[in-house]
Amino acid sequence: MTEIPTAEELDFLFREGKMERLGDGSRRVCYALPGGKLCVKSYRSEEEFKTRMGPDGSLEKCRLKPSVVREIRKARFDQKRNTSCQEYRYWKKLRDSLPADVFAVFPQTMECLSVPTRGWCIVEERVTNATGASPSRFSHEYRAADEEMKSSLRSALKELLSRFIFHAVRFYDPQNIIVQRLEGGDFRLRVVDFEPVTRCLLPLDRLLPSLVRLKTARRANRWLRERGIEIGGLT
């Protein structure tokens, strides 16, 4: 399957258990669609409240906070509250406003579908390494790298975050930056999970881009300090 499925097709795949579970967040799960080129993110089903993926890919028991369960149940079919809908709307804004080389960090294919049994879901490009394996988060790659690779990773990270700040991208969760390994040992930084966190009714990224730049820089600098990564101050 290479084309984006219909909501009915996606519903069938969920009900029949025909997709590989790739990873979990606190609210959403990600599955690979057959064919390997696309994946789908949806809120957890009632059955998925009880399990999560461990570091080795196996399922282990979990207990979600009652507040998270309430949020999932309220937002699953609510287009305004649903994280997938928010992510999709902001992705379209970035697609239309960012230079092509900056937008290339994000998934190049994305669609939001209302699935009968799952609510609003995102179908998007599945980012993989040249080997077909899933990329690792930047912090994991950085800890395991030698000094030469760490220097390359730091340079790429500073360039990426600096451009996000310059273009006033609402990107407040740097832990979602991943390292995509390419042919020949090269790499690219990618972002495949981004939630444009904002509670403001006004479109601040258009009305007050300087405030967005400040908040993005503050979040990025805090994340860097917590992980001991030195790339110089971001402003």
Protein backbone atom coordinates (compact mmCIF):
# COMPACT_ATOMS: atom_id res chain seq x y z
CA MET A 1 0.00 0.00 0.00
CA THR A 2 1.65 3.24 -1.14
CA GLU A 3 -1.35 5.52 -1.57
CA ILE A 4 -3.11 7.05 1.41
CA PRO A 5 -5.97 4.69 2.34
CA THR A 6 -9.56 5.78 2.80
CA ALA A 7 -11.01 6.05 6.30
CA GLU A 8 -12.91 2.81 5.71
CA GLU A 9 -9.76 0.97 4.60
CA LEU A 10 -7.89 2.26 7.62
CA ASP A 11 -10.72 1.20 9.91
CA PHE A 12 -10.55 -2.33 8.46
CA LEU A 13 -6.78 -2.53 9.08
CA PHE A 14 -7.24 -1.46 12.69
CA ARG A 15 -10.07 -3.92 13.33
CA GLU A 16 -8.24 -6.83 11.72
CA GLY A 17 -4.93 -6.10 13.46
CA LYS A 18 -3.05 -5.98 10.16
CA MET A 19 -0.52 -3.26 11.10
CA GLU A 20 2.79 -3.34 12.97
CA ARG A 21 2.87 -1.24 16.13
CA LEU A 22 5.89 1.07 15.88
CA GLY A 23 5.75 3.11 19.06
CA ASP A 24 3.68 4.75 21.75
CA GLY A 25 3.25 8.15 23.27
CA SER A 26 1.18 8.87 26.36
CA ARG A 27 -1.96 9.41 24.25
CA ARG A 28 -1.24 8.18 20.74
CA VAL A 29 0.12 5.03 19.12
CA CYS A 30 1.86 4.73 15.76
CA TYR A 31 1.40 1.82 13.33
CA ALA A 32 3.12 0.97 10.05
CA LEU A 33 0.76 0.58 7.10
CA PRO A 34 1.32 -2.44 4.83
CA GLY A 35 3.95 -1.60 2.23
CA GLY A 36 6.32 0.25 4.55
CA LYS A 37 6.05 3.77 3.10
CA LEU A 38 3.33 5.18 5.35
CA CYS A 39 2.37 5.06 9.00
CA VAL A 40 -0.69 6.11 10.98
CA LYS A 41 -0.98 7.81 14.36
CA SER A 42 -4.18 7.57 16.39
CA TYR A 43 -5.35 7.99 19.94
CA ARG A 44 -5.13 4.81 21.99
CA SER A 45 -8.10 2.48 21.82
CA GLU A 46 -9.69 1.26 25.05
CA GLU A 47 -7.65 -1.97 24.75
CA GLU A 48 -4.43 0.02 24.31
CA PHE A 49 -4.96 1.79 27.62
CA LYS A 50 -3.55 -1.34 29.26
CA THR A 51 -0.29 -1.85 27.32
CA ARG A 52 2.66 0.11 25.99
CA MET A 53 5.74 -0.73 23.94
CA GLY A 54 8.88 -1.34 25.95
CA PRO A 55 12.42 -0.36 24.79
CA ASP A 56 12.84 -3.76 23.11
CA GLY A 57 9.56 -3.49 21.19
CA SER A 58 7.63 -5.89 23.39
CA LEU A 59 4.31 -4.95 24.96
CA GLU A 60 4.24 -4.41 28.69
CA LYS A 61 1.44 -3.55 31.10
CA CYS A 62 0.78 0.10 31.85
CA ARG A 63 -1.74 2.23 33.69
CA LEU A 64 -2.62 5.59 32.18
CA LYS A 65 -3.36 8.54 34.41
CA PRO A 66 -7.11 9.17 34.74
CA SER A 67 -6.59 12.68 33.30
CA VAL A 68 -4.98 11.21 30.16
CA VAL A 69 -7.82 8.70 29.73
CA ARG A 70 -10.39 11.51 30.03
CA GLU A 71 -8.52 13.62 27.49
CA ILE A 72 -8.36 10.76 24.99
CA ARG A 73 -12.06 10.02 25.31
CA LYS A 74 -13.00 13.69 24.93
CA ALA A 75 -10.67 14.49 22.04
CA ARG A 76 -10.84 11.31 19.94
CA PHE A 77 -13.69 12.60 17.73
CA ASP A 78 -13.34 16.32 18.49
CA GLN A 79 -11.65 18.05 15.57
CA LYS A 80 -10.68 21.12 17.63
CA ARG A 81 -9.19 19.22 20.57
CA ASN A 82 -7.65 16.31 18.72
CA THR A 83 -3.83 16.46 18.63
CA SER A 84 -3.69 14.83 15.20
CA CYS A 85 -5.93 17.54 13.73
CA GLN A 86 -3.83 20.28 15.34
CA GLU A 87 -0.66 18.71 14.01
CA TYR A 88 -2.08 18.38 10.51
CA ARG A 89 -3.31 22.00 10.38
CA TYR A 90 0.07 23.31 11.50
CA TRP A 91 1.92 21.02 9.07
CA LYS A 92 -0.06 22.60 6.21
CA LYS A 93 0.89 26.09 7.42
CA LEU A 94 4.55 25.11 7.55
CA ARG A 95 4.35 23.53 4.09
CA ASP A 96 3.08 26.82 2.67
CA SER A 97 5.41 29.15 4.58
CA LEU A 98 8.80 27.48 5.09
CA PRO A 99 11.62 27.23 2.53
CA ALA A 100 11.70 23.79 0.95
CA ASP A 101 14.96 22.76 2.61
CA VAL A 102 13.62 23.58 6.08
CA PHE A 103 10.24 21.94 5.49
CA ALA A 104 12.07 18.80 4.28
CA VAL A 105 12.76 18.03 7.94
CA PHE A 106 9.07 17.26 8.41
CA PRO A 107 7.07 14.43 6.79
CA GLN A 108 6.53 15.16 3.12
CA THR A 109 3.19 13.33 2.99
CA MET A 110 0.40 13.80 5.51
CA GLU A 111 -3.37 13.46 5.62
CA CYS A 112 -5.91 13.61 8.45
CA LEU A 113 -8.79 11.09 8.35
CA SER A 114 -11.83 10.51 10.53
CA VAL A 115 -11.90 6.76 11.20
CA PRO A 116 -15.18 5.34 12.58
CA THR A 117 -13.64 3.29 15.40
CA ARG A 118 -10.60 5.47 16.09
CA GLY A 119 -11.61 9.06 15.59
CA TRP A 120 -9.24 11.51 13.91
CA CYS A 121 -5.97 9.94 12.74
CA ILE A 122 -2.93 11.11 10.81
CA VAL A 123 -1.50 9.12 7.91
CA GLU A 124 2.00 10.29 7.01
CA GLU A 125 5.33 9.39 5.48
CA ARG A 126 7.13 6.72 7.46
CA VAL A 127 10.73 7.84 7.98
CA THR A 128 13.22 4.96 8.03
CA ASN A 129 16.98 4.51 7.87
CA ALA A 130 18.63 3.23 4.70
CA THR A 131 18.52 -0.23 6.27
CA GLY A 132 14.76 -0.01 6.77
CA ALA A 133 15.08 0.28 10.54
CA SER A 134 13.36 3.05 12.48
CA PRO A 135 15.58 6.05 13.33
CA SER A 136 16.57 6.81 16.91
CA ARG A 137 16.01 10.00 18.84
CA PHE A 138 18.81 12.55 18.70
CA SER A 139 19.65 12.20 22.40
CA HIS A 140 20.09 8.41 22.04
CA GLU A 141 22.31 8.78 18.97
CA TYR A 142 24.35 11.51 20.64
CA ARG A 143 25.10 9.47 23.76
CA ALA A 144 26.32 6.52 21.67
CA ALA A 145 28.43 8.56 19.19
CA ASP A 146 32.20 9.06 19.17
CA GLU A 147 33.61 12.58 19.44
CA GLU A 148 33.76 13.18 15.69
CA MET A 149 30.15 12.13 15.23
CA LYS A 150 29.07 14.17 18.24
CA SER A 151 30.59 17.26 16.63
CA SER A 152 28.67 16.61 13.40
CA LEU A 153 25.44 16.04 15.31
CA ARG A 154 25.89 19.25 17.31
CA SER A 155 26.47 21.29 14.16
CA ALA A 156 23.39 19.84 12.46
CA LEU A 157 21.28 20.41 15.57
CA LYS A 158 22.34 24.02 15.95
CA GLU A 159 21.56 24.69 12.29
CA LEU A 160 18.14 23.10 12.58
CA LEU A 161 17.08 24.82 15.80
CA SER A 162 18.45 28.18 14.63
CA ARG A 163 16.37 27.97 11.46
CA PHE A 164 13.26 27.00 13.41
CA ILE A 165 13.76 30.06 15.61
CA PHE A 166 14.43 32.34 12.63
CA HIS A 167 11.25 31.19 10.88
CA ALA A 168 9.19 31.31 14.12
CA VAL A 169 8.28 27.61 14.02
CA ARG A 170 6.23 26.56 17.06
CA PHE A 171 8.45 23.62 17.95
CA TYR A 172 8.48 23.17 21.70
CA ASP A 173 9.53 19.52 22.09
CA PRO A 174 13.12 19.00 20.85
CA GLN A 175 13.15 15.43 22.19
CA ASN A 176 11.19 14.50 19.04
CA ILE A 177 14.16 15.23 16.76
CA ILE A 178 15.40 11.97 15.25
CA VAL A 179 18.52 11.00 13.30
CA GLN A 180 17.81 9.36 9.94
CA ARG A 181 20.75 7.27 8.71
CA LEU A 182 21.33 7.45 4.96
CA GLU A 183 23.38 5.47 2.45
CA GLY A 184 27.14 5.82 2.85
CA GLY A 185 27.02 6.74 6.53
CA ASP A 186 25.46 10.19 6.12
CA PHE A 187 22.54 11.35 8.26
CA ARG A 188 19.69 13.85 8.34
CA LEU A 189 17.77 15.29 11.25
CA ARG A 190 14.02 14.78 10.93
CA VAL A 191 10.92 15.62 12.95
CA VAL A 192 8.00 13.19 12.72
CA ASP A 193 6.06 14.03 15.87
CA PHE A 194 5.37 17.66 16.61
CA GLU A 195 2.53 19.16 18.56
CA PRO A 196 2.08 22.91 18.09
CA VAL A 197 1.48 23.49 21.78
CA THR A 198 -0.53 26.65 22.32
CA ARG A 199 -3.57 27.55 24.35
CA CYS A 200 -3.94 31.02 22.85
CA LEU A 201 -6.90 31.82 20.62
CA LEU A 202 -4.84 34.33 18.62
CA PRO A 203 -2.51 33.17 15.80
CA LEU A 204 0.67 34.27 17.60
CA ASP A 205 2.99 32.91 14.94
CA ARG A 206 1.54 35.49 12.54
CA LEU A 207 0.76 38.35 14.93
CA LEU A 208 3.74 38.06 17.29
CA PRO A 209 6.45 35.91 15.68
CA SER A 210 9.04 37.36 18.07
CA LEU A 211 7.17 35.74 20.98
CA VAL A 212 7.19 32.36 19.20
CA ARG A 213 10.94 32.71 18.56
CA LEU A 214 11.54 33.49 22.23
CA LYS A 215 9.50 30.52 23.45
CA THR A 216 11.05 28.10 20.95
CA ALA A 217 14.56 29.24 21.93
CA ARG A 218 13.79 28.95 25.66
CA ARG A 219 12.46 25.41 25.31
CA ALA A 220 15.42 24.37 23.12
CA ASN A 221 18.03 25.85 25.48
CA ARG A 222 16.43 24.14 28.48
CA TRP A 223 16.38 20.78 26.66
CA LEU A 224 20.06 21.18 25.69
CA ARG A 225 21.08 22.04 29.26
CA GLU A 226 19.22 19.04 30.69
CA ARG A 227 21.12 16.71 28.33
CA GLY A 228 24.51 18.39 28.60
CA ILE A 229 24.71 19.22 24.89
CA GLU A 230 26.79 22.33 24.16
CA ILE A 231 26.00 24.07 20.88
CA GLY A 232 26.16 27.70 22.02
CA GLY A 233 23.25 29.86 23.05
CA LEU A 234 20.17 30.00 20.84
CA THR A 235 18.36 33.32 20.56
